[in-house]
N, C-alpha and C. Protein backbone atom coordinates (compact mmCIF):
# COMPACT_ATOMS: atom_id res chain seq x y z
N MET A 1 -7.06 -13.81 10.74
CA MET A 1 -5.67 -13.85 10.35
C MET A 1 -5.43 -12.73 9.34
N ALA A 2 -4.45 -11.88 9.59
CA ALA A 2 -4.12 -10.77 8.70
C ALA A 2 -2.87 -11.10 7.90
N ALA A 3 -2.80 -10.59 6.68
CA ALA A 3 -1.67 -10.87 5.81
C ALA A 3 -1.30 -9.62 5.02
N ALA A 4 0.00 -9.41 4.86
CA ALA A 4 0.51 -8.34 4.03
C ALA A 4 1.08 -8.96 2.75
N PRO A 5 0.43 -8.72 1.62
CA PRO A 5 0.88 -9.34 0.37
C PRO A 5 2.26 -8.87 -0.06
N ALA A 6 3.06 -9.82 -0.54
CA ALA A 6 4.36 -9.52 -1.12
C ALA A 6 4.31 -9.75 -2.63
N GLN A 7 3.48 -10.69 -3.06
CA GLN A 7 3.37 -11.04 -4.46
C GLN A 7 1.97 -11.58 -4.72
N ILE A 8 1.37 -11.16 -5.83
CA ILE A 8 0.01 -11.60 -6.17
C ILE A 8 0.01 -12.11 -7.61
N GLN A 9 -0.63 -13.25 -7.81
CA GLN A 9 -0.82 -13.80 -9.15
C GLN A 9 -2.32 -14.02 -9.33
N ILE A 10 -2.86 -13.51 -10.41
CA ILE A 10 -4.29 -13.66 -10.68
C ILE A 10 -4.45 -14.07 -12.13
N ARG A 11 -5.20 -15.15 -12.35
CA ARG A 11 -5.44 -15.59 -13.72
C ARG A 11 -6.78 -16.29 -13.83
N TYR A 12 -7.37 -16.13 -14.99
CA TYR A 12 -8.64 -16.77 -15.29
C TYR A 12 -8.37 -18.21 -15.68
N ILE A 13 -9.09 -19.16 -15.06
CA ILE A 13 -8.97 -20.58 -15.38
C ILE A 13 -10.24 -20.99 -16.11
N GLN A 14 -10.13 -21.17 -17.40
CA GLN A 14 -11.30 -21.43 -18.25
C GLN A 14 -12.04 -22.69 -17.83
N GLU A 15 -11.32 -23.77 -17.50
CA GLU A 15 -11.97 -25.04 -17.14
C GLU A 15 -12.83 -24.89 -15.88
N GLU A 16 -12.46 -24.02 -15.00
CA GLU A 16 -13.21 -23.79 -13.76
C GLU A 16 -14.21 -22.64 -13.91
N ASP A 17 -14.04 -21.82 -14.94
CA ASP A 17 -14.80 -20.60 -15.15
C ASP A 17 -14.74 -19.73 -13.89
N ARG A 18 -13.55 -19.65 -13.34
CA ARG A 18 -13.29 -18.85 -12.15
C ARG A 18 -11.91 -18.22 -12.26
N ILE A 19 -11.69 -17.26 -11.40
CA ILE A 19 -10.38 -16.62 -11.32
C ILE A 19 -9.65 -17.20 -10.12
N LEU A 20 -8.42 -17.61 -10.37
CA LEU A 20 -7.56 -18.12 -9.30
C LEU A 20 -6.64 -16.98 -8.86
N MET A 21 -6.73 -16.66 -7.59
CA MET A 21 -5.86 -15.64 -7.01
C MET A 21 -4.92 -16.33 -6.03
N ARG A 22 -3.63 -16.15 -6.25
CA ARG A 22 -2.62 -16.68 -5.34
C ARG A 22 -1.84 -15.50 -4.79
N MET A 23 -1.57 -15.56 -3.50
CA MET A 23 -0.88 -14.46 -2.87
C MET A 23 0.18 -14.99 -1.92
N ASN A 24 1.39 -14.49 -2.08
CA ASN A 24 2.47 -14.73 -1.12
C ASN A 24 2.55 -13.53 -0.20
N THR A 25 2.88 -13.80 1.05
CA THR A 25 2.97 -12.72 2.02
C THR A 25 4.43 -12.45 2.38
N VAL A 26 4.63 -11.35 3.09
CA VAL A 26 5.98 -11.04 3.55
C VAL A 26 6.45 -12.07 4.57
N ALA A 27 5.51 -12.82 5.18
CA ALA A 27 5.85 -13.88 6.15
C ALA A 27 6.06 -15.22 5.44
N ASN A 28 6.18 -15.21 4.10
CA ASN A 28 6.41 -16.40 3.30
C ASN A 28 5.29 -17.44 3.43
N GLU A 29 4.05 -16.95 3.45
CA GLU A 29 2.87 -17.82 3.42
C GLU A 29 2.21 -17.64 2.06
N GLU A 30 1.50 -18.67 1.62
CA GLU A 30 0.75 -18.56 0.37
C GLU A 30 -0.72 -18.82 0.66
N PHE A 31 -1.55 -17.94 0.11
CA PHE A 31 -3.00 -18.08 0.20
C PHE A 31 -3.55 -18.20 -1.20
N ARG A 32 -4.53 -19.10 -1.36
CA ARG A 32 -5.14 -19.35 -2.68
C ARG A 32 -6.65 -19.15 -2.58
N PHE A 33 -7.20 -18.43 -3.57
CA PHE A 33 -8.62 -18.12 -3.57
C PHE A 33 -9.23 -18.36 -4.94
N TRP A 34 -10.46 -18.84 -4.94
CA TRP A 34 -11.28 -18.87 -6.15
C TRP A 34 -12.21 -17.67 -6.08
N LEU A 35 -12.28 -16.91 -7.17
CA LEU A 35 -13.18 -15.77 -7.27
C LEU A 35 -14.13 -16.02 -8.43
N THR A 36 -15.41 -15.96 -8.16
CA THR A 36 -16.42 -16.20 -9.19
C THR A 36 -16.87 -14.89 -9.83
N ARG A 37 -17.57 -15.00 -10.94
CA ARG A 37 -18.14 -13.81 -11.59
C ARG A 37 -19.10 -13.12 -10.64
N ARG A 38 -19.94 -13.90 -9.99
CA ARG A 38 -20.93 -13.34 -9.07
C ARG A 38 -20.24 -12.52 -7.97
N PHE A 39 -19.17 -13.03 -7.44
CA PHE A 39 -18.43 -12.31 -6.39
C PHE A 39 -17.81 -11.03 -6.94
N LEU A 40 -17.18 -11.12 -8.13
CA LEU A 40 -16.53 -9.95 -8.71
C LEU A 40 -17.52 -8.84 -9.03
N VAL A 41 -18.71 -9.21 -9.48
CA VAL A 41 -19.74 -8.21 -9.77
C VAL A 41 -20.03 -7.38 -8.51
N ARG A 42 -20.05 -8.03 -7.37
CA ARG A 42 -20.29 -7.32 -6.10
C ARG A 42 -19.03 -6.59 -5.62
N LEU A 43 -17.86 -7.09 -5.97
CA LEU A 43 -16.60 -6.50 -5.53
C LEU A 43 -16.24 -5.23 -6.32
N TRP A 44 -16.58 -5.20 -7.61
CA TRP A 44 -16.20 -4.10 -8.50
C TRP A 44 -16.50 -2.71 -7.92
N PRO A 45 -17.75 -2.43 -7.51
CA PRO A 45 -18.05 -1.08 -7.01
C PRO A 45 -17.23 -0.71 -5.76
N VAL A 46 -16.96 -1.67 -4.91
CA VAL A 46 -16.18 -1.39 -3.70
C VAL A 46 -14.75 -1.02 -4.08
N LEU A 47 -14.18 -1.76 -5.02
CA LEU A 47 -12.82 -1.46 -5.45
C LEU A 47 -12.75 -0.09 -6.14
N GLN A 48 -13.74 0.20 -6.98
CA GLN A 48 -13.76 1.50 -7.65
C GLN A 48 -13.87 2.64 -6.63
N GLU A 49 -14.72 2.47 -5.64
CA GLU A 49 -14.88 3.49 -4.61
C GLU A 49 -13.59 3.63 -3.80
N SER A 50 -12.92 2.53 -3.55
CA SER A 50 -11.67 2.57 -2.79
C SER A 50 -10.58 3.32 -3.55
N LEU A 51 -10.52 3.11 -4.86
CA LEU A 51 -9.53 3.84 -5.66
C LEU A 51 -9.78 5.34 -5.60
N MET A 52 -11.05 5.73 -5.54
CA MET A 52 -11.41 7.14 -5.52
C MET A 52 -11.30 7.76 -4.12
N SER A 53 -10.96 6.95 -3.13
CA SER A 53 -10.93 7.49 -1.76
C SER A 53 -9.52 7.64 -1.18
N SER A 54 -8.51 7.57 -2.03
CA SER A 54 -7.16 7.80 -1.52
C SER A 54 -7.05 9.27 -1.10
N PRO A 55 -6.18 9.58 -0.15
CA PRO A 55 -6.05 10.97 0.32
C PRO A 55 -5.77 11.97 -0.80
N ALA A 56 -4.92 11.62 -1.76
CA ALA A 56 -4.60 12.54 -2.86
C ALA A 56 -5.82 12.80 -3.73
N VAL A 57 -6.64 11.78 -3.96
CA VAL A 57 -7.83 11.93 -4.79
C VAL A 57 -8.88 12.75 -4.06
N LYS A 58 -9.05 12.50 -2.78
CA LYS A 58 -10.09 13.18 -2.01
C LYS A 58 -9.84 14.68 -1.85
N GLN A 59 -8.64 15.13 -2.12
CA GLN A 59 -8.33 16.56 -2.02
C GLN A 59 -9.02 17.37 -3.11
N HIS A 60 -9.44 16.70 -4.18
CA HIS A 60 -10.04 17.39 -5.32
C HIS A 60 -11.55 17.19 -5.31
N SER A 61 -12.26 18.26 -5.65
CA SER A 61 -13.72 18.18 -5.59
C SER A 61 -14.33 17.80 -6.94
N ASP A 62 -13.70 18.19 -8.05
CA ASP A 62 -14.33 17.87 -9.34
C ASP A 62 -13.92 16.48 -9.83
N TYR A 63 -14.86 15.83 -10.46
CA TYR A 63 -14.72 14.44 -10.87
C TYR A 63 -13.56 14.22 -11.84
N SER A 64 -13.38 15.11 -12.81
CA SER A 64 -12.32 14.88 -13.80
C SER A 64 -10.93 14.98 -13.15
N SER A 65 -10.76 15.87 -12.19
CA SER A 65 -9.48 15.94 -11.47
C SER A 65 -9.25 14.68 -10.66
N ARG A 66 -10.31 14.19 -10.03
CA ARG A 66 -10.20 12.97 -9.24
C ARG A 66 -9.82 11.79 -10.13
N GLN A 67 -10.44 11.70 -11.31
CA GLN A 67 -10.11 10.63 -12.25
C GLN A 67 -8.66 10.74 -12.70
N ALA A 68 -8.20 11.94 -12.94
CA ALA A 68 -6.81 12.14 -13.38
C ALA A 68 -5.83 11.70 -12.29
N ILE A 69 -6.13 11.98 -11.04
CA ILE A 69 -5.25 11.57 -9.94
C ILE A 69 -5.25 10.05 -9.82
N VAL A 70 -6.42 9.42 -9.95
CA VAL A 70 -6.49 7.95 -9.91
C VAL A 70 -5.66 7.37 -11.05
N ALA A 71 -5.77 7.95 -12.23
CA ALA A 71 -5.00 7.47 -13.38
C ALA A 71 -3.50 7.60 -13.11
N PHE A 72 -3.11 8.73 -12.53
CA PHE A 72 -1.69 8.94 -12.21
C PHE A 72 -1.22 7.91 -11.18
N GLU A 73 -2.01 7.71 -10.12
CA GLU A 73 -1.65 6.72 -9.09
C GLU A 73 -1.55 5.33 -9.70
N HIS A 74 -2.47 5.02 -10.62
CA HIS A 74 -2.49 3.71 -11.26
C HIS A 74 -1.23 3.49 -12.10
N GLU A 75 -0.87 4.49 -12.89
CA GLU A 75 0.35 4.38 -13.70
C GLU A 75 1.59 4.27 -12.83
N ARG A 76 1.63 5.06 -11.76
CA ARG A 76 2.79 5.03 -10.86
C ARG A 76 2.93 3.65 -10.22
N ALA A 77 1.82 3.07 -9.76
CA ALA A 77 1.86 1.74 -9.14
C ALA A 77 2.34 0.69 -10.15
N GLN A 78 1.84 0.77 -11.39
CA GLN A 78 2.27 -0.20 -12.40
C GLN A 78 3.73 -0.04 -12.76
N SER A 79 4.23 1.19 -12.76
CA SER A 79 5.63 1.40 -13.13
C SER A 79 6.58 0.81 -12.09
N LYS A 80 6.12 0.68 -10.85
CA LYS A 80 6.95 0.12 -9.79
C LYS A 80 6.82 -1.39 -9.67
N ALA A 81 5.82 -1.96 -10.33
CA ALA A 81 5.55 -3.40 -10.19
C ALA A 81 6.51 -4.23 -11.03
N ALA A 82 6.76 -5.44 -10.55
CA ALA A 82 7.62 -6.39 -11.27
C ALA A 82 6.74 -7.52 -11.80
N PHE A 83 5.99 -7.23 -12.88
CA PHE A 83 5.05 -8.19 -13.42
C PHE A 83 5.73 -9.42 -14.01
N ASN A 84 6.98 -9.30 -14.40
CA ASN A 84 7.67 -10.42 -15.05
C ASN A 84 8.34 -11.38 -14.09
N ASN A 85 8.37 -11.06 -12.81
CA ASN A 85 8.98 -11.98 -11.84
C ASN A 85 8.10 -13.22 -11.69
N PRO A 86 8.70 -14.41 -11.72
CA PRO A 86 7.89 -15.62 -11.55
C PRO A 86 7.31 -15.69 -10.13
N PHE A 87 6.15 -16.30 -10.03
CA PHE A 87 5.50 -16.46 -8.74
C PHE A 87 6.30 -17.45 -7.91
N ARG A 88 6.61 -17.06 -6.67
CA ARG A 88 7.41 -17.91 -5.78
C ARG A 88 6.50 -18.92 -5.09
N GLU A 89 6.76 -20.17 -5.34
CA GLU A 89 6.01 -21.26 -4.69
C GLU A 89 6.47 -21.42 -3.24
N THR A 90 5.57 -21.82 -2.37
CA THR A 90 5.92 -22.12 -0.99
C THR A 90 5.02 -23.25 -0.50
N ASP A 91 5.50 -23.99 0.46
CA ASP A 91 4.70 -25.07 1.05
C ASP A 91 3.95 -24.60 2.30
N ASN A 92 4.14 -23.36 2.69
CA ASN A 92 3.49 -22.81 3.86
C ASN A 92 2.11 -22.28 3.45
N LEU A 93 1.08 -23.14 3.57
CA LEU A 93 -0.28 -22.84 3.10
C LEU A 93 -1.26 -22.83 4.28
N PRO A 94 -1.38 -21.72 5.02
CA PRO A 94 -2.21 -21.68 6.22
C PRO A 94 -3.68 -22.06 6.01
N LEU A 95 -4.22 -21.81 4.80
CA LEU A 95 -5.62 -22.15 4.53
C LEU A 95 -5.75 -23.46 3.76
N GLY A 96 -4.64 -24.13 3.52
CA GLY A 96 -4.67 -25.41 2.82
C GLY A 96 -4.26 -25.27 1.36
N LYS A 97 -4.06 -26.44 0.73
CA LYS A 97 -3.60 -26.49 -0.65
C LYS A 97 -4.69 -26.07 -1.63
N ASP A 98 -5.93 -26.47 -1.37
CA ASP A 98 -7.03 -26.13 -2.26
C ASP A 98 -7.44 -24.68 -2.08
N PRO A 99 -7.69 -23.97 -3.19
CA PRO A 99 -8.10 -22.58 -3.07
C PRO A 99 -9.42 -22.44 -2.30
N LEU A 100 -9.52 -21.37 -1.54
CA LEU A 100 -10.71 -21.05 -0.78
C LEU A 100 -11.72 -20.38 -1.72
N LEU A 101 -12.95 -20.88 -1.76
CA LEU A 101 -14.00 -20.28 -2.58
C LEU A 101 -14.55 -19.07 -1.83
N VAL A 102 -14.19 -17.87 -2.28
CA VAL A 102 -14.59 -16.64 -1.61
C VAL A 102 -16.05 -16.33 -1.95
N VAL A 103 -16.87 -16.20 -0.93
CA VAL A 103 -18.29 -15.87 -1.14
C VAL A 103 -18.68 -14.55 -0.48
N LYS A 104 -17.81 -14.03 0.39
CA LYS A 104 -18.10 -12.74 1.01
C LYS A 104 -16.80 -12.04 1.36
N ALA A 105 -16.93 -10.74 1.49
CA ALA A 105 -15.76 -9.93 1.82
C ALA A 105 -16.19 -8.78 2.71
N GLY A 106 -15.30 -8.42 3.60
CA GLY A 106 -15.49 -7.25 4.45
C GLY A 106 -14.42 -6.24 4.11
N PHE A 107 -14.74 -4.96 4.29
CA PHE A 107 -13.82 -3.90 3.89
C PHE A 107 -13.68 -2.88 5.01
N ARG A 108 -12.47 -2.41 5.18
CA ARG A 108 -12.22 -1.35 6.15
C ARG A 108 -11.18 -0.41 5.56
N HIS A 109 -11.57 0.85 5.44
CA HIS A 109 -10.64 1.86 4.93
C HIS A 109 -9.77 2.37 6.07
N LYS A 110 -8.49 2.48 5.78
CA LYS A 110 -7.54 3.02 6.75
C LYS A 110 -7.31 4.50 6.44
N GLU A 111 -6.89 5.25 7.44
CA GLU A 111 -6.70 6.69 7.27
C GLU A 111 -5.65 7.04 6.23
N ASN A 112 -4.65 6.20 6.06
CA ASN A 112 -3.57 6.48 5.11
C ASN A 112 -3.92 6.11 3.67
N GLY A 113 -5.18 5.75 3.41
CA GLY A 113 -5.60 5.38 2.08
C GLY A 113 -5.51 3.89 1.82
N ALA A 114 -5.00 3.14 2.78
CA ALA A 114 -4.91 1.68 2.62
C ALA A 114 -6.30 1.07 2.80
N LEU A 115 -6.43 -0.14 2.34
CA LEU A 115 -7.70 -0.87 2.43
C LEU A 115 -7.43 -2.25 3.01
N GLN A 116 -8.28 -2.67 3.91
CA GLN A 116 -8.21 -4.03 4.42
C GLN A 116 -9.42 -4.78 3.88
N ILE A 117 -9.15 -5.87 3.17
CA ILE A 117 -10.22 -6.71 2.61
C ILE A 117 -10.16 -8.06 3.30
N ALA A 118 -11.29 -8.48 3.83
CA ALA A 118 -11.39 -9.81 4.45
C ALA A 118 -12.09 -10.72 3.46
N PHE A 119 -11.36 -11.68 2.90
CA PHE A 119 -11.93 -12.69 2.01
C PHE A 119 -12.34 -13.88 2.86
N LYS A 120 -13.62 -14.31 2.74
CA LYS A 120 -14.14 -15.41 3.57
C LYS A 120 -14.94 -16.39 2.71
N ASP A 121 -14.95 -17.65 3.16
CA ASP A 121 -15.81 -18.65 2.53
C ASP A 121 -17.11 -18.75 3.33
N ASN A 122 -17.94 -19.75 3.04
CA ASN A 122 -19.23 -19.92 3.74
C ASN A 122 -19.08 -20.21 5.23
N HIS A 123 -17.92 -20.66 5.65
CA HIS A 123 -17.69 -21.02 7.05
C HIS A 123 -16.86 -19.96 7.78
N ASP A 124 -16.75 -18.76 7.20
CA ASP A 124 -15.96 -17.65 7.74
C ASP A 124 -14.47 -17.97 7.84
N LYS A 125 -14.03 -18.93 7.08
CA LYS A 125 -12.60 -19.22 6.98
C LYS A 125 -12.03 -18.26 5.95
N GLY A 126 -10.89 -17.68 6.25
CA GLY A 126 -10.30 -16.75 5.29
C GLY A 126 -9.16 -15.97 5.87
N VAL A 127 -8.91 -14.82 5.26
CA VAL A 127 -7.79 -13.98 5.64
C VAL A 127 -8.13 -12.52 5.38
N ASP A 128 -7.53 -11.64 6.18
CA ASP A 128 -7.64 -10.20 5.97
C ASP A 128 -6.41 -9.74 5.21
N LEU A 129 -6.62 -9.13 4.05
CA LEU A 129 -5.51 -8.63 3.24
C LEU A 129 -5.34 -7.14 3.51
N ASN A 130 -4.15 -6.74 3.87
CA ASN A 130 -3.84 -5.33 4.09
C ASN A 130 -3.17 -4.79 2.84
N LEU A 131 -3.89 -3.90 2.14
CA LEU A 131 -3.42 -3.39 0.85
C LEU A 131 -3.11 -1.91 0.93
N SER A 132 -1.87 -1.55 0.63
CA SER A 132 -1.53 -0.14 0.47
C SER A 132 -2.25 0.36 -0.78
N ASN A 133 -2.25 1.66 -0.99
CA ASN A 133 -2.89 2.21 -2.19
C ASN A 133 -2.24 1.64 -3.45
N GLU A 134 -0.91 1.49 -3.45
CA GLU A 134 -0.23 0.91 -4.62
C GLU A 134 -0.66 -0.53 -4.85
N LEU A 135 -0.71 -1.34 -3.78
CA LEU A 135 -1.13 -2.73 -3.93
C LEU A 135 -2.58 -2.82 -4.37
N LEU A 136 -3.41 -1.92 -3.91
CA LEU A 136 -4.81 -1.89 -4.35
C LEU A 136 -4.88 -1.66 -5.85
N HIS A 137 -4.09 -0.72 -6.36
CA HIS A 137 -4.08 -0.47 -7.81
C HIS A 137 -3.61 -1.71 -8.58
N LEU A 138 -2.59 -2.38 -8.07
CA LEU A 138 -2.08 -3.57 -8.76
C LEU A 138 -3.09 -4.70 -8.70
N LEU A 139 -3.73 -4.89 -7.56
CA LEU A 139 -4.78 -5.91 -7.44
C LEU A 139 -5.89 -5.62 -8.45
N CYS A 140 -6.30 -4.38 -8.54
CA CYS A 140 -7.36 -4.01 -9.48
C CYS A 140 -6.95 -4.29 -10.92
N LYS A 141 -5.71 -3.97 -11.28
CA LYS A 141 -5.25 -4.24 -12.64
C LYS A 141 -5.27 -5.73 -12.94
N LEU A 142 -4.75 -6.52 -12.01
CA LEU A 142 -4.69 -7.96 -12.23
C LEU A 142 -6.10 -8.57 -12.31
N LEU A 143 -7.00 -8.14 -11.43
CA LEU A 143 -8.38 -8.63 -11.47
C LEU A 143 -9.06 -8.23 -12.77
N ASP A 144 -8.86 -6.98 -13.17
CA ASP A 144 -9.47 -6.49 -14.40
C ASP A 144 -8.96 -7.26 -15.61
N ASP A 145 -7.65 -7.48 -15.67
CA ASP A 145 -7.07 -8.24 -16.78
C ASP A 145 -7.66 -9.65 -16.84
N ALA A 146 -7.76 -10.31 -15.69
CA ALA A 146 -8.30 -11.68 -15.66
C ALA A 146 -9.78 -11.69 -16.06
N ALA A 147 -10.54 -10.74 -15.57
CA ALA A 147 -11.97 -10.69 -15.90
C ALA A 147 -12.17 -10.42 -17.39
N GLN A 148 -11.33 -9.60 -17.98
CA GLN A 148 -11.45 -9.30 -19.41
C GLN A 148 -11.06 -10.51 -20.27
N GLN A 149 -10.26 -11.44 -19.72
CA GLN A 149 -9.89 -12.66 -20.45
C GLN A 149 -11.02 -13.69 -20.43
N SER A 150 -11.94 -13.53 -19.51
CA SER A 150 -13.05 -14.47 -19.40
C SER A 150 -14.13 -14.10 -20.43
N ASP A 151 -15.19 -14.90 -20.47
CA ASP A 151 -16.35 -14.59 -21.32
C ASP A 151 -17.45 -13.94 -20.49
N TRP A 152 -17.08 -13.32 -19.38
CA TRP A 152 -18.08 -12.80 -18.45
C TRP A 152 -18.70 -11.49 -18.89
N LYS A 153 -18.10 -10.82 -19.86
CA LYS A 153 -18.62 -9.56 -20.39
C LYS A 153 -18.85 -8.52 -19.29
N MET A 154 -17.89 -8.44 -18.40
CA MET A 154 -17.95 -7.45 -17.32
C MET A 154 -17.41 -6.12 -17.83
N THR A 155 -17.97 -5.04 -17.32
CA THR A 155 -17.41 -3.73 -17.65
C THR A 155 -16.03 -3.64 -17.01
N ALA A 156 -15.19 -2.83 -17.58
CA ALA A 156 -13.84 -2.67 -17.07
C ALA A 156 -13.88 -2.14 -15.64
N LEU A 157 -13.06 -2.70 -14.81
CA LEU A 157 -12.97 -2.25 -13.42
C LEU A 157 -12.42 -0.84 -13.36
N LEU A 158 -11.53 -0.53 -14.27
CA LEU A 158 -10.86 0.77 -14.27
C LEU A 158 -11.30 1.58 -15.49
N PRO A 159 -12.57 1.95 -15.57
CA PRO A 159 -13.03 2.67 -16.76
C PRO A 159 -12.34 4.02 -16.86
N ASN A 160 -12.02 4.39 -18.08
CA ASN A 160 -11.45 5.70 -18.39
C ASN A 160 -10.06 5.92 -17.81
N ILE A 161 -9.46 4.94 -17.15
CA ILE A 161 -8.12 5.15 -16.59
C ILE A 161 -7.12 5.39 -17.72
N THR A 162 -7.14 4.53 -18.73
CA THR A 162 -6.19 4.66 -19.84
C THR A 162 -6.44 5.96 -20.59
N GLU A 163 -7.73 6.24 -20.87
CA GLU A 163 -8.06 7.46 -21.60
C GLU A 163 -7.66 8.69 -20.79
N THR A 164 -7.93 8.67 -19.49
CA THR A 164 -7.60 9.81 -18.64
C THR A 164 -6.09 10.00 -18.57
N ALA A 165 -5.37 8.91 -18.40
CA ALA A 165 -3.91 9.00 -18.32
C ALA A 165 -3.34 9.57 -19.62
N SER A 166 -3.87 9.13 -20.76
CA SER A 166 -3.39 9.63 -22.04
C SER A 166 -3.67 11.11 -22.19
N SER A 167 -4.88 11.54 -21.82
CA SER A 167 -5.22 12.95 -21.98
C SER A 167 -4.41 13.81 -21.01
N VAL A 168 -4.13 13.31 -19.82
CA VAL A 168 -3.31 14.05 -18.87
C VAL A 168 -1.90 14.19 -19.42
N ALA A 169 -1.34 13.11 -19.96
CA ALA A 169 0.01 13.16 -20.52
C ALA A 169 0.04 14.12 -21.70
N ALA A 170 -0.96 14.08 -22.55
CA ALA A 170 -1.00 14.97 -23.70
C ALA A 170 -1.11 16.42 -23.24
N HIS A 171 -1.90 16.65 -22.24
CA HIS A 171 -2.08 18.00 -21.70
C HIS A 171 -0.76 18.52 -21.11
N GLN A 172 -0.01 17.65 -20.49
CA GLN A 172 1.24 18.08 -19.88
C GLN A 172 2.30 18.40 -20.94
N LEU A 173 2.19 17.78 -22.10
CA LEU A 173 3.15 18.06 -23.16
C LEU A 173 2.88 19.41 -23.83
N ASN A 174 1.64 19.87 -23.79
CA ASN A 174 1.28 21.13 -24.45
C ASN A 174 1.79 22.29 -23.67
């Protein structure tokens, strides 16, 4: 089952020591997932590599230019996001009311820089999420924010993004 996200909510739930990810789709369906520290540790490198593989980033050969483009894309995606909109509840829950405990994921890069992530449980029940480059950046920000709220002591998913964005902005002002 494939889904195109319209709205994503991600938050760390201390009592569960897990991250709850809720996603509404353009088809007005809601999917709920539990993400563990163990899963995120394995997911982090894939997400970082995906951010670095957008067409605009791949045009540059040196690492600092690539980081600057990722930082620019990240800021642009955040500027378009509506973080203050309340999450829209729906009763259309194709995977059920209880969140799916994600234990594995499959990834497929699309030519346009989009990423398809298949979140699955132990019984291969799950959904394929189709993420544009902008949605990928927003997903990464939300995951990173939730992970940093936990006691998991994970390295930042988006290392040097803020520093790179600041130095690029400062450089442009000079």
